[in-house]
Amino acid sequence: MNPLFSSEAAKNEILGIYDQKLAELNIEYQSTYLTTKFGNTHILITGNPANPPLLLIHGSNGCAPIGLECYPNLTKKYQVFAIDVLAQPNKSDGTRLSMKDESYGKWTHEIIQKLNLKEVTLAGFSFGGLIILKTLAFSASNIKQAFLASPAYIVNGNPLKALFKVFIPMRRYMSTQKMRFLEKFLAEVFTERDDFAVNFLSKVFLHFNMDFTPVPVISKKEAQKITTPFNLLAAKNDVMFPGEKMIKRARKLFPTMRQSILLNHSKHVQDKEGNLLFEELILG
């Protein structure tokens, strides 16, 4: 149950857009729910079961079909488990976990355990990157490697820039419902315009109780707990999590970071070229 939707009608409308996007992908998939200690978690499973497992974790205000659309080639090498993150506008429960404790790490490991997965690869974008870092810091059990694209939790951008370029346009759209404010938000966050994002977020911003809690940054002590190798893709023009600053701090913090790539042309949400590069990094 997700009580974060403003009404049943709003929930049906947003999940209708979810289902439409999933249908447009034209892929074979299995839809399943796992009962976890933190709430029912919806997962889309696609790809050959004989392939090694990959958990794909989307960003804030997102859903599993977005990840599957951005990285469609991962099934060439992996069986992909696309997670609907809790307390987001999707089909999982509305349990809002804390970003300050081990809850996200425990939740991910419970998913891995209940799916009986071994040698798992983790891949995540933005808030999904925070979830992965929390997971790696909690335990390395059954995890082989990880890949992060524009992850939260390593650095934060200039708060005044984020306020004026991202959050004020979002809030103005929410109060006026004028599309020009939504378009202004998207132009600062997305490298290229995305029609699905326009449609989906225009409803989410109005009819879903989003979490505006400030995103923390990982401490040196917490970072030293991570023993799993991972790779990092960062975006130079990312207002929220600036790429150059991110890579500089990550190199100092993480002894197991193998490779870092800076996308010089990219904003927070990568374009098709950036998504393809992330796929190539994962596929090796």
C-alpha atoms as a PDB file:
ATOM      1  CA  MET A   1       0.000   0.000   0.000  1.00  0.00           C
ATOM      2  CA  ASN A   2       1.343   3.427  -0.922  1.00  0.00           C
ATOM      3  CA  PRO A   3      -0.422   6.238   0.979  1.00  0.00           C
ATOM      4  CA  LEU A   4       1.836   8.885  -0.581  1.00  0.00           C
ATOM      5  CA  PHE A   5      -0.461   9.355  -3.582  1.00  0.00           C
ATOM      6  CA  SER A   6      -2.858  12.246  -2.989  1.00  0.00           C
ATOM      7  CA  SER A   7      -5.894  10.166  -3.981  1.00  0.00           C
ATOM      8  CA  GLU A   8      -6.875   6.837  -5.490  1.00  0.00           C
ATOM      9  CA  ALA A   9      -7.606   8.588  -8.791  1.00  0.00           C
ATOM     10  CA  ALA A  10      -4.139  10.171  -8.811  1.00  0.00           C
ATOM     11  CA  LYS A  11      -2.542   6.815  -8.022  1.00  0.00           C
ATOM     12  CA  ASN A  12      -4.405   5.152 -10.897  1.00  0.00           C
ATOM     13  CA  GLU A  13      -3.398   7.929 -13.291  1.00  0.00           C
ATOM     14  CA  ILE A  14       0.307   7.767 -12.397  1.00  0.00           C
ATOM     15  CA  LEU A  15       0.419   3.984 -12.425  1.00  0.00           C
ATOM     16  CA  GLY A  16      -1.413   4.073 -15.743  1.00  0.00           C
ATOM     17  CA  ILE A  17       1.511   6.076 -17.159  1.00  0.00           C
ATOM     18  CA  TYR A  18       3.846   3.498 -15.579  1.00  0.00           C
ATOM     19  CA  ASP A  19       1.992   0.648 -17.303  1.00  0.00           C
ATOM     20  CA  GLN A  20       1.943   2.494 -20.617  1.00  0.00           C
ATOM     21  CA  LYS A  21       5.710   2.976 -20.521  1.00  0.00           C
ATOM     22  CA  LEU A  22       6.225  -0.686 -19.617  1.00  0.00           C
ATOM     23  CA  ALA A  23       4.052  -1.767 -22.554  1.00  0.00           C
ATOM     24  CA  GLU A  24       5.967   0.525 -24.921  1.00  0.00           C
ATOM     25  CA  LEU A  25       9.224  -1.234 -24.016  1.00  0.00           C
ATOM     26  CA  ASN A  26       7.863  -4.327 -25.760  1.00  0.00           C
ATOM     27  CA  ILE A  27       9.894  -6.759 -23.648  1.00  0.00           C
ATOM     28  CA  GLU A  28       9.209 -10.066 -21.976  1.00  0.00           C
ATOM     29  CA  TYR A  29       9.143  -9.626 -18.220  1.00  0.00           C
ATOM     30  CA  GLN A  30       7.850 -11.056 -14.973  1.00  0.00           C
ATOM     31  CA  SER A  31       6.185  -8.825 -12.397  1.00  0.00           C
ATOM     32  CA  THR A  32       6.559  -9.956  -8.795  1.00  0.00           C
ATOM     33  CA  TYR A  33       6.137  -8.671  -5.252  1.00  0.00           C
ATOM     34  CA  LEU A  34       8.443  -9.463  -2.342  1.00  0.00           C
ATOM     35  CA  THR A  35       7.311  -9.085   1.242  1.00  0.00           C
ATOM     36  CA  THR A  36      10.146  -7.404   3.159  1.00  0.00           C
ATOM     37  CA  LYS A  37      10.445  -6.072   6.697  1.00  0.00           C
ATOM     38  CA  PHE A  38      10.225  -2.585   5.218  1.00  0.00           C
ATOM     39  CA  GLY A  39       7.187  -3.129   2.985  1.00  0.00           C
ATOM     40  CA  ASN A  40       6.030  -4.935  -0.137  1.00  0.00           C
ATOM     41  CA  THR A  41       8.526  -4.361  -2.940  1.00  0.00           C
ATOM     42  CA  HIS A  42       7.582  -4.650  -6.611  1.00  0.00           C
ATOM     43  CA  ILE A  43      10.176  -5.958  -9.068  1.00  0.00           C
ATOM     44  CA  LEU A  44      10.264  -6.355 -12.847  1.00  0.00           C
ATOM     45  CA  ILE A  45      12.417  -9.283 -13.954  1.00  0.00           C
ATOM     46  CA  THR A  46      13.667  -9.582 -17.527  1.00  0.00           C
ATOM     47  CA  GLY A  47      16.396 -11.447 -19.383  1.00  0.00           C
ATOM     48  CA  ASN A  48      17.714 -14.992 -19.450  1.00  0.00           C
ATOM     49  CA  PRO A  49      17.639 -16.688 -16.003  1.00  0.00           C
ATOM     50  CA  ALA A  50      20.886 -18.441 -16.971  1.00  0.00           C
ATOM     51  CA  ASN A  51      22.671 -15.062 -17.000  1.00  0.00           C
ATOM     52  CA  PRO A  52      24.209 -13.551 -13.836  1.00  0.00           C
ATOM     53  CA  PRO A  53      21.863 -11.282 -11.830  1.00  0.00           C
ATOM     54  CA  LEU A  54      21.843  -7.491 -11.927  1.00  0.00           C
ATOM     55  CA  LEU A  55      19.735  -5.328  -9.611  1.00  0.00           C
ATOM     56  CA  LEU A  56      18.761  -2.070 -11.328  1.00  0.00           C
ATOM     57  CA  ILE A  57      17.753   0.770  -8.985  1.00  0.00           C
ATOM     58  CA  HIS A  58      16.112   3.933 -10.313  1.00  0.00           C
ATOM     59  CA  GLY A  59      16.377   7.486  -9.022  1.00  0.00           C
ATOM     60  CA  SER A  60      14.110   9.720  -6.955  1.00  0.00           C
ATOM     61  CA  ASN A  61      10.549  10.226  -8.222  1.00  0.00           C
ATOM     62  CA  GLY A  62      11.092   7.364 -10.654  1.00  0.00           C
ATOM     63  CA  CYS A  63      10.068   3.802 -11.344  1.00  0.00           C
ATOM     64  CA  ALA A  64      11.473   0.536 -12.655  1.00  0.00           C
ATOM     65  CA  PRO A  65      10.354   0.965 -16.310  1.00  0.00           C
ATOM     66  CA  ILE A  66      12.495   4.126 -16.567  1.00  0.00           C
ATOM     67  CA  GLY A  67      15.608   2.124 -15.750  1.00  0.00           C
ATOM     68  CA  LEU A  68      14.697  -0.591 -18.220  1.00  0.00           C
ATOM     69  CA  GLU A  69      14.163   2.006 -20.933  1.00  0.00           C
ATOM     70  CA  CYS A  70      17.469   3.788 -20.251  1.00  0.00           C
ATOM     71  CA  TYR A  71      19.546   0.603 -20.248  1.00  0.00           C
ATOM     72  CA  PRO A  72      17.839  -1.879 -22.608  1.00  0.00           C
ATOM     73  CA  ASN A  73      21.017  -3.764 -23.557  1.00  0.00           C
ATOM     74  CA  LEU A  74      21.862  -5.066 -20.087  1.00  0.00           C
ATOM     75  CA  THR A  75      19.893  -8.242 -20.778  1.00  0.00           C
ATOM     76  CA  LYS A  76      22.549  -9.255 -23.320  1.00  0.00           C
ATOM     77  CA  LYS A  77      24.725 -10.272 -20.378  1.00  0.00           C
ATOM     78  CA  TYR A  78      22.488 -10.199 -17.287  1.00  0.00           C
ATOM     79  CA  GLN A  79      19.150 -11.223 -15.920  1.00  0.00           C
ATOM     80  CA  VAL A  80      17.876  -7.822 -14.791  1.00  0.00           C
ATOM     81  CA  PHE A  81      15.843  -7.270 -11.628  1.00  0.00           C
ATOM     82  CA  ALA A  82      14.470  -3.709 -11.882  1.00  0.00           C
ATOM     83  CA  ILE A  83      13.382  -2.595  -8.415  1.00  0.00           C
ATOM     84  CA  ASP A  84      10.533  -0.223  -7.666  1.00  0.00           C
ATOM     85  CA  VAL A  85      12.061   1.762  -4.790  1.00  0.00           C
ATOM     86  CA  LEU A  86       9.893   2.127  -1.687  1.00  0.00           C
ATOM     87  CA  ALA A  87       8.084   5.448  -1.137  1.00  0.00           C
ATOM     88  CA  GLN A  88       8.369   6.473  -4.786  1.00  0.00           C
ATOM     89  CA  PRO A  89       5.581   6.911  -7.405  1.00  0.00           C
ATOM     90  CA  ASN A  90       5.474   3.263  -8.420  1.00  0.00           C
ATOM     91  CA  LYS A  91       4.026  -0.101  -7.341  1.00  0.00           C
ATOM     92  CA  SER A  92       5.998  -0.665  -4.138  1.00  0.00           C
ATOM     93  CA  ASP A  93       4.757   0.296  -0.679  1.00  0.00           C
ATOM     94  CA  GLY A  94       5.040   3.836   0.653  1.00  0.00           C
ATOM     95  CA  THR A  95       7.398   3.086   3.548  1.00  0.00           C
ATOM     96  CA  ARG A  96       9.860   5.992   3.674  1.00  0.00           C
ATOM     97  CA  LEU A  97      13.245   4.771   4.901  1.00  0.00           C
ATOM     98  CA  SER A  98      15.839   6.974   6.558  1.00  0.00           C
ATOM     99  CA  MET A  99      18.868   8.111   4.565  1.00  0.00           C
ATOM    100  CA  LYS A 100      20.829   8.390   7.819  1.00  0.00           C
ATOM    101  CA  ASP A 101      20.856   4.762   8.981  1.00  0.00           C
ATOM    102  CA  GLU A 102      21.295   1.248   7.539  1.00  0.00           C
ATOM    103  CA  SER A 103      17.671   0.752   6.444  1.00  0.00           C
ATOM    104  CA  TYR A 104      18.293   0.945   2.673  1.00  0.00           C
ATOM    105  CA  GLY A 105      21.225  -1.464   2.959  1.00  0.00           C
ATOM    106  CA  LYS A 106      19.183  -3.925   4.972  1.00  0.00           C
ATOM    107  CA  TRP A 107      16.273  -3.647   2.528  1.00  0.00           C
ATOM    108  CA  THR A 108      18.444  -4.361  -0.539  1.00  0.00           C
ATOM    109  CA  HIS A 109      20.140  -7.312   1.118  1.00  0.00           C
ATOM    110  CA  GLU A 110      16.759  -8.722   2.118  1.00  0.00           C
ATOM    111  CA  ILE A 111      15.690  -8.514  -1.538  1.00  0.00           C
ATOM    112  CA  ILE A 112      18.875 -10.323  -2.630  1.00  0.00           C
ATOM    113  CA  GLN A 113      18.344 -12.989   0.019  1.00  0.00           C
ATOM    114  CA  LYS A 114      14.661 -13.566  -0.780  1.00  0.00           C
ATOM    115  CA  LEU A 115      15.444 -13.837  -4.505  1.00  0.00           C
ATOM    116  CA  ASN A 116      18.249 -16.278  -3.600  1.00  0.00           C
ATOM    117  CA  LEU A 117      20.781 -14.395  -5.731  1.00  0.00           C
ATOM    118  CA  LYS A 118      24.569 -14.794  -5.681  1.00  0.00           C
ATOM    119  CA  GLU A 119      27.387 -12.760  -7.229  1.00  0.00           C
ATOM    120  CA  VAL A 120      25.011  -9.849  -7.832  1.00  0.00           C
ATOM    121  CA  THR A 121      25.883  -6.766  -9.868  1.00  0.00           C
ATOM    122  CA  LEU A 122      24.253  -3.545  -8.654  1.00  0.00           C
ATOM    123  CA  ALA A 123      23.553  -0.626 -11.002  1.00  0.00           C
ATOM    124  CA  GLY A 124      21.819   2.584 -10.046  1.00  0.00           C
ATOM    125  CA  PHE A 125      21.200   6.179 -11.038  1.00  0.00           C
ATOM    126  CA  SER A 126      21.007   9.223  -8.736  1.00  0.00           C
ATOM    127  CA  PHE A 127      19.113   8.241  -5.565  1.00  0.00           C
ATOM    128  CA  GLY A 128      19.617   4.652  -6.651  1.00  0.00           C
ATOM    129  CA  GLY A 129      23.334   5.314  -6.211  1.00  0.00           C
ATOM    130  CA  LEU A 130      22.756   6.325  -2.580  1.00  0.00           C
ATOM    131  CA  ILE A 131      20.854   3.080  -2.026  1.00  0.00           C
ATOM    132  CA  ILE A 132      23.723   1.089  -3.546  1.00  0.00           C
ATOM    133  CA  LEU A 133      26.385   2.829  -1.438  1.00  0.00           C
ATOM    134  CA  LYS A 134      24.271   2.176   1.667  1.00  0.00           C
ATOM    135  CA  THR A 135      24.008  -1.468   0.591  1.00  0.00           C
ATOM    136  CA  LEU A 136      27.753  -1.875   0.042  1.00  0.00           C
ATOM    137  CA  ALA A 137      28.579  -0.231   3.371  1.00  0.00           C
ATOM    138  CA  PHE A 138      26.146  -2.517   5.206  1.00  0.00           C
ATOM    139  CA  SER A 139      27.489  -5.776   3.748  1.00  0.00           C
ATOM    140  CA  ALA A 140      29.430  -7.121   0.773  1.00  0.00           C
ATOM    141  CA  SER A 141      27.652 -10.473   1.011  1.00  0.00           C
ATOM    142  CA  ASN A 142      26.565 -11.923  -2.362  1.00  0.00           C
ATOM    143  CA  ILE A 143      27.557  -8.732  -4.237  1.00  0.00           C
ATOM    144  CA  LYS A 144      30.195  -8.936  -6.971  1.00  0.00           C
ATOM    145  CA  GLN A 145      30.430  -5.332  -8.198  1.00  0.00           C
ATOM    146  CA  ALA A 146      28.515  -2.081  -8.600  1.00  0.00           C
ATOM    147  CA  PHE A 147      28.031   0.731 -11.123  1.00  0.00           C
ATOM    148  CA  LEU A 148      26.841   4.223 -10.188  1.00  0.00           C
ATOM    149  CA  ALA A 149      25.566   6.957 -12.528  1.00  0.00           C
ATOM    150  CA  SER A 150      25.319  10.510 -11.109  1.00  0.00           C
ATOM    151  CA  PRO A 151      24.863   9.074  -7.630  1.00  0.00           C
ATOM    152  CA  ALA A 152      23.587  10.941  -4.621  1.00  0.00           C
ATOM    153  CA  TYR A 153      25.461  10.632  -1.307  1.00  0.00           C
ATOM    154  CA  ILE A 154      29.048  11.406  -2.417  1.00  0.00           C
ATOM    155  CA  VAL A 155      28.800  15.190  -2.798  1.00  0.00           C
ATOM    156  CA  ASN A 156      26.123  17.864  -2.962  1.00  0.00           C
ATOM    157  CA  GLY A 157      26.096  20.872  -5.244  1.00  0.00           C
ATOM    158  CA  ASN A 158      25.881  24.545  -4.379  1.00  0.00           C
ATOM    159  CA  PRO A 159      22.625  24.842  -2.388  1.00  0.00           C
ATOM    160  CA  LEU A 160      21.760  28.276  -3.771  1.00  0.00           C
ATOM    161  CA  LYS A 161      22.164  27.086  -7.375  1.00  0.00           C
ATOM    162  CA  ALA A 162      20.032  24.050  -6.642  1.00  0.00           C
ATOM    163  CA  LEU A 163      17.415  26.216  -4.969  1.00  0.00           C
ATOM    164  CA  PHE A 164      17.013  28.710  -7.805  1.00  0.00           C
ATOM    165  CA  LYS A 165      17.560  26.377 -10.759  1.00  0.00           C
ATOM    166  CA  VAL A 166      15.794  23.233  -9.556  1.00  0.00           C
ATOM    167  CA  PHE A 167      13.607  23.545  -6.479  1.00  0.00           C
ATOM    168  CA  ILE A 168      11.981  26.939  -7.045  1.00  0.00           C
ATOM    169  CA  PRO A 169      10.821  26.041 -10.604  1.00  0.00           C
ATOM    170  CA  MET A 170       9.486  22.754  -9.203  1.00  0.00           C
ATOM    171  CA  ARG A 171       7.610  24.513  -6.416  1.00  0.00           C
ATOM    172  CA  ARG A 172       6.239  27.146  -8.787  1.00  0.00           C
ATOM    173  CA  TYR A 173       4.896  24.433 -11.043  1.00  0.00           C
ATOM    174  CA  MET A 174       3.309  22.740  -8.039  1.00  0.00           C
ATOM    175  CA  SER A 175       1.582  25.959  -6.991  1.00  0.00           C
ATOM    176  CA  THR A 176       0.545  27.236 -10.432  1.00  0.00           C
ATOM    177  CA  GLN A 177       0.435  24.097 -12.626  1.00  0.00           C
ATOM    178  CA  LYS A 178       1.979  26.192 -15.401  1.00  0.00           C
ATOM    179  CA  MET A 179       4.026  24.001 -17.716  1.00  0.00           C
ATOM    180  CA  ARG A 180       6.719  26.625 -18.298  1.00  0.00           C
ATOM    181  CA  PHE A 181       7.973  26.084 -14.743  1.00  0.00           C
ATOM    182  CA  LEU A 182       8.109  22.325 -15.225  1.00  0.00           C
ATOM    183  CA  GLU A 183       9.981  22.826 -18.502  1.00  0.00           C
ATOM    184  CA  LYS A 184      12.445  25.122 -16.712  1.00  0.00           C
ATOM    185  CA  PHE A 185      13.061  22.428 -14.102  1.00  0.00           C
ATOM    186  CA  LEU A 186      13.565  19.770 -16.776  1.00  0.00           C
ATOM    187  CA  ALA A 187      15.957  21.977 -18.751  1.00  0.00           C
ATOM    188  CA  GLU A 188      18.239  22.247 -15.704  1.00  0.00           C
ATOM    189  CA  VAL A 189      18.117  18.560 -14.763  1.00  0.00           C
ATOM    190  CA  PHE A 190      17.862  16.685 -18.082  1.00  0.00           C
ATOM    191  CA  THR A 191      20.579  16.711 -20.749  1.00  0.00           C
ATOM    192  CA  GLU A 192      17.927  16.169 -23.427  1.00  0.00           C
ATOM    193  CA  ARG A 193      14.160  16.628 -23.281  1.00  0.00           C
ATOM    194  CA  ASP A 194      12.237  13.485 -22.361  1.00  0.00           C
ATOM    195  CA  ASP A 195       8.530  13.329 -23.241  1.00  0.00           C
ATOM    196  CA  PHE A 196       7.875  10.555 -20.736  1.00  0.00           C
ATOM    197  CA  ALA A 197       9.464  12.616 -17.967  1.00  0.00           C
ATOM    198  CA  VAL A 198       7.255  15.579 -18.884  1.00  0.00           C
ATOM    199  CA  ASN A 199       4.122  13.441 -18.711  1.00  0.00           C
ATOM    200  CA  PHE A 200       5.094  11.445 -15.628  1.00  0.00           C
ATOM    201  CA  LEU A 201       6.563  14.258 -13.516  1.00  0.00           C
ATOM    202  CA  SER A 202       3.748  16.672 -14.388  1.00  0.00           C
ATOM    203  CA  LYS A 203       1.464  14.316 -12.457  1.00  0.00           C
ATOM    204  CA  VAL A 204       3.955  13.219  -9.766  1.00  0.00           C
ATOM    205  CA  PHE A 205       4.800  16.787  -8.721  1.00  0.00           C
ATOM    206  CA  LEU A 206       1.107  17.547  -8.204  1.00  0.00           C
ATOM    207  CA  HIS A 207      -0.236  14.298  -6.792  1.00  0.00           C
ATOM    208  CA  PHE A 208       2.562  12.526  -4.908  1.00  0.00           C
ATOM    209  CA  ASN A 209       3.989  13.374  -1.495  1.00  0.00           C
ATOM    210  CA  MET A 210       7.663  13.746  -2.380  1.00  0.00           C
ATOM    211  CA  ASP A 211      10.506  13.635   0.131  1.00  0.00           C
ATOM    212  CA  PHE A 212      12.336  16.963   0.392  1.00  0.00           C
ATOM    213  CA  THR A 213      14.703  15.804   3.134  1.00  0.00           C
ATOM    214  CA  PRO A 214      18.232  17.090   2.376  1.00  0.00           C
ATOM    215  CA  VAL A 215      20.434  14.361   0.926  1.00  0.00           C
ATOM    216  CA  PRO A 216      23.367  13.582   3.259  1.00  0.00           C
ATOM    217  CA  VAL A 217      26.914  12.820   2.099  1.00  0.00           C
ATOM    218  CA  ILE A 218      28.819   9.702   3.054  1.00  0.00           C
ATOM    219  CA  SER A 219      31.419  10.031   5.787  1.00  0.00           C
ATOM    220  CA  LYS A 220      34.997   8.822   5.447  1.00  0.00           C
ATOM    221  CA  LYS A 221      34.337   6.219   8.145  1.00  0.00           C
ATOM    222  CA  GLU A 222      31.302   4.863   6.276  1.00  0.00           C
ATOM    223  CA  ALA A 223      33.122   4.883   2.925  1.00  0.00           C
ATOM    224  CA  GLN A 224      35.943   2.779   4.367  1.00  0.00           C
ATOM    225  CA  LYS A 225      33.427  -0.003   5.064  1.00  0.00           C
ATOM    226  CA  ILE A 226      32.945  -0.525   1.324  1.00  0.00           C
ATOM    227  CA  THR A 227      35.070  -3.415   0.070  1.00  0.00           C
ATOM    228  CA  THR A 228      33.141  -4.134  -3.145  1.00  0.00           C
ATOM    229  CA  PRO A 229      34.672  -2.852  -6.417  1.00  0.00           C
ATOM    230  CA  PHE A 230      32.576  -0.249  -8.193  1.00  0.00           C
ATOM    231  CA  ASN A 231      32.685   2.140 -11.144  1.00  0.00           C
ATOM    232  CA  LEU A 232      31.434   5.713 -11.276  1.00  0.00           C
ATOM    233  CA  LEU A 233      29.885   7.801 -14.054  1.00  0.00           C
ATOM    234  CA  ALA A 234      29.535  11.501 -13.201  1.00  0.00           C
ATOM    235  CA  ALA A 235      28.158  14.536 -15.046  1.00  0.00           C
ATOM    236  CA  LYS A 236      30.104  17.785 -15.265  1.00  0.00           C
ATOM    237  CA  ASN A 237      27.008  20.013 -15.485  1.00  0.00           C
ATOM    238  CA  ASP A 238      25.068  18.265 -12.728  1.00  0.00           C
ATOM    239  CA  VAL A 239      23.626  21.033 -10.534  1.00  0.00           C
ATOM    240  CA  MET A 240      22.745  18.671  -7.689  1.00  0.00           C
ATOM    241  CA  PHE A 241      25.774  16.359  -7.620  1.00  0.00           C
ATOM    242  CA  PRO A 242      28.582  18.054  -9.617  1.00  0.00           C
ATOM    243  CA  GLY A 243      30.718  15.549 -11.499  1.00  0.00           C
ATOM    244  CA  GLU A 244      34.208  16.992 -11.063  1.00  0.00           C
ATOM    245  CA  LYS A 245      33.695  17.535  -7.343  1.00  0.00           C
ATOM    246  CA  MET A 246      32.234  14.029  -7.051  1.00  0.00           C
ATOM    247  CA  ILE A 247      35.127  12.255  -8.758  1.00  0.00           C
ATOM    248  CA  LYS A 248      37.702  14.217  -6.753  1.00  0.00           C
ATOM    249  CA  ARG A 249      36.104  13.229  -3.433  1.00  0.00           C
ATOM    250  CA  ALA A 250      35.393   9.651  -4.527  1.00  0.00           C
ATOM    251  CA  ARG A 251      39.064   9.087  -5.390  1.00  0.00           C
ATOM    252  CA  LYS A 252      40.016  10.117  -1.866  1.00  0.00           C
ATOM    253  CA  LEU A 253      37.258   8.162  -0.113  1.00  0.00           C
ATOM    254  CA  PHE A 254      36.875   4.807  -1.812  1.00  0.00           C
ATOM    255  CA  PRO A 255      39.802   2.366  -2.007  1.00  0.00           C
ATOM    256  CA  THR A 256      37.803  -0.031  -4.212  1.00  0.00           C
ATOM    257  CA  MET A 257      36.665   2.432  -6.895  1.00  0.00           C
ATOM    258  CA  ARG A 258      38.028   1.034 -10.142  1.00  0.00           C
ATOM    259  CA  GLN A 259      37.084   3.574 -12.776  1.00  0.00           C
ATOM    260  CA  SER A 260      35.561   7.046 -12.883  1.00  0.00           C
ATOM    261  CA  ILE A 261      34.248   8.721 -16.024  1.00  0.00           C
ATOM    262  CA  LEU A 262      33.234  12.369 -16.359  1.00  0.00           C
ATOM    263  CA  LEU A 263      30.604  13.246 -18.961  1.00  0.00           C
ATOM    264  CA  ASN A 264      31.646  16.755 -19.981  1.00  0.00           C
ATOM    265  CA  HIS A 265      28.408  17.592 -21.830  1.00  0.00           C
ATOM    266  CA  SER A 266      25.957  16.047 -19.380  1.00  0.00           C
ATOM    267  CA  LYS A 267      23.521  17.404 -16.827  1.00  0.00           C
ATOM    268  CA  HIS A 268      22.169  15.259 -13.981  1.00  0.00           C
ATOM    269  CA  VAL A 269      20.015  12.992 -16.163  1.00  0.00           C
ATOM    270  CA  GLN A 270      22.135  11.612 -18.976  1.00  0.00           C
ATOM    271  CA  ASP A 271      21.087  11.613 -22.621  1.00  0.00           C
ATOM    272  CA  LYS A 272      21.043   8.492 -24.830  1.00  0.00           C
ATOM    273  CA  GLU A 273      24.780   8.783 -25.441  1.00  0.00           C
ATOM    274  CA  GLY A 274      25.463   8.893 -21.703  1.00  0.00           C
ATOM    275  CA  ASN A 275      23.132   5.959 -21.057  1.00  0.00           C
ATOM    276  CA  LEU A 276      24.901   3.938 -23.737  1.00  0.00           C
ATOM    277  CA  LEU A 277      28.272   4.692 -22.168  1.00  0.00           C
ATOM    278  CA  PHE A 278      26.972   3.519 -18.786  1.00  0.00           C
ATOM    279  CA  GLU A 279      25.715   0.318 -20.399  1.00  0.00           C
ATOM    280  CA  GLU A 280      29.079  -0.282 -22.050  1.00  0.00           C
ATOM    281  CA  LEU A 281      30.795   0.214 -18.702  1.00  0.00           C
ATOM    282  CA  ILE A 282      28.509  -2.390 -17.101  1.00  0.00           C
ATOM    283  CA  LEU A 283      28.762  -4.850 -19.981  1.00  0.00           C
ATOM    284  CA  GLY A 284      32.541  -4.578 -20.013  1.00  0.00           C
END
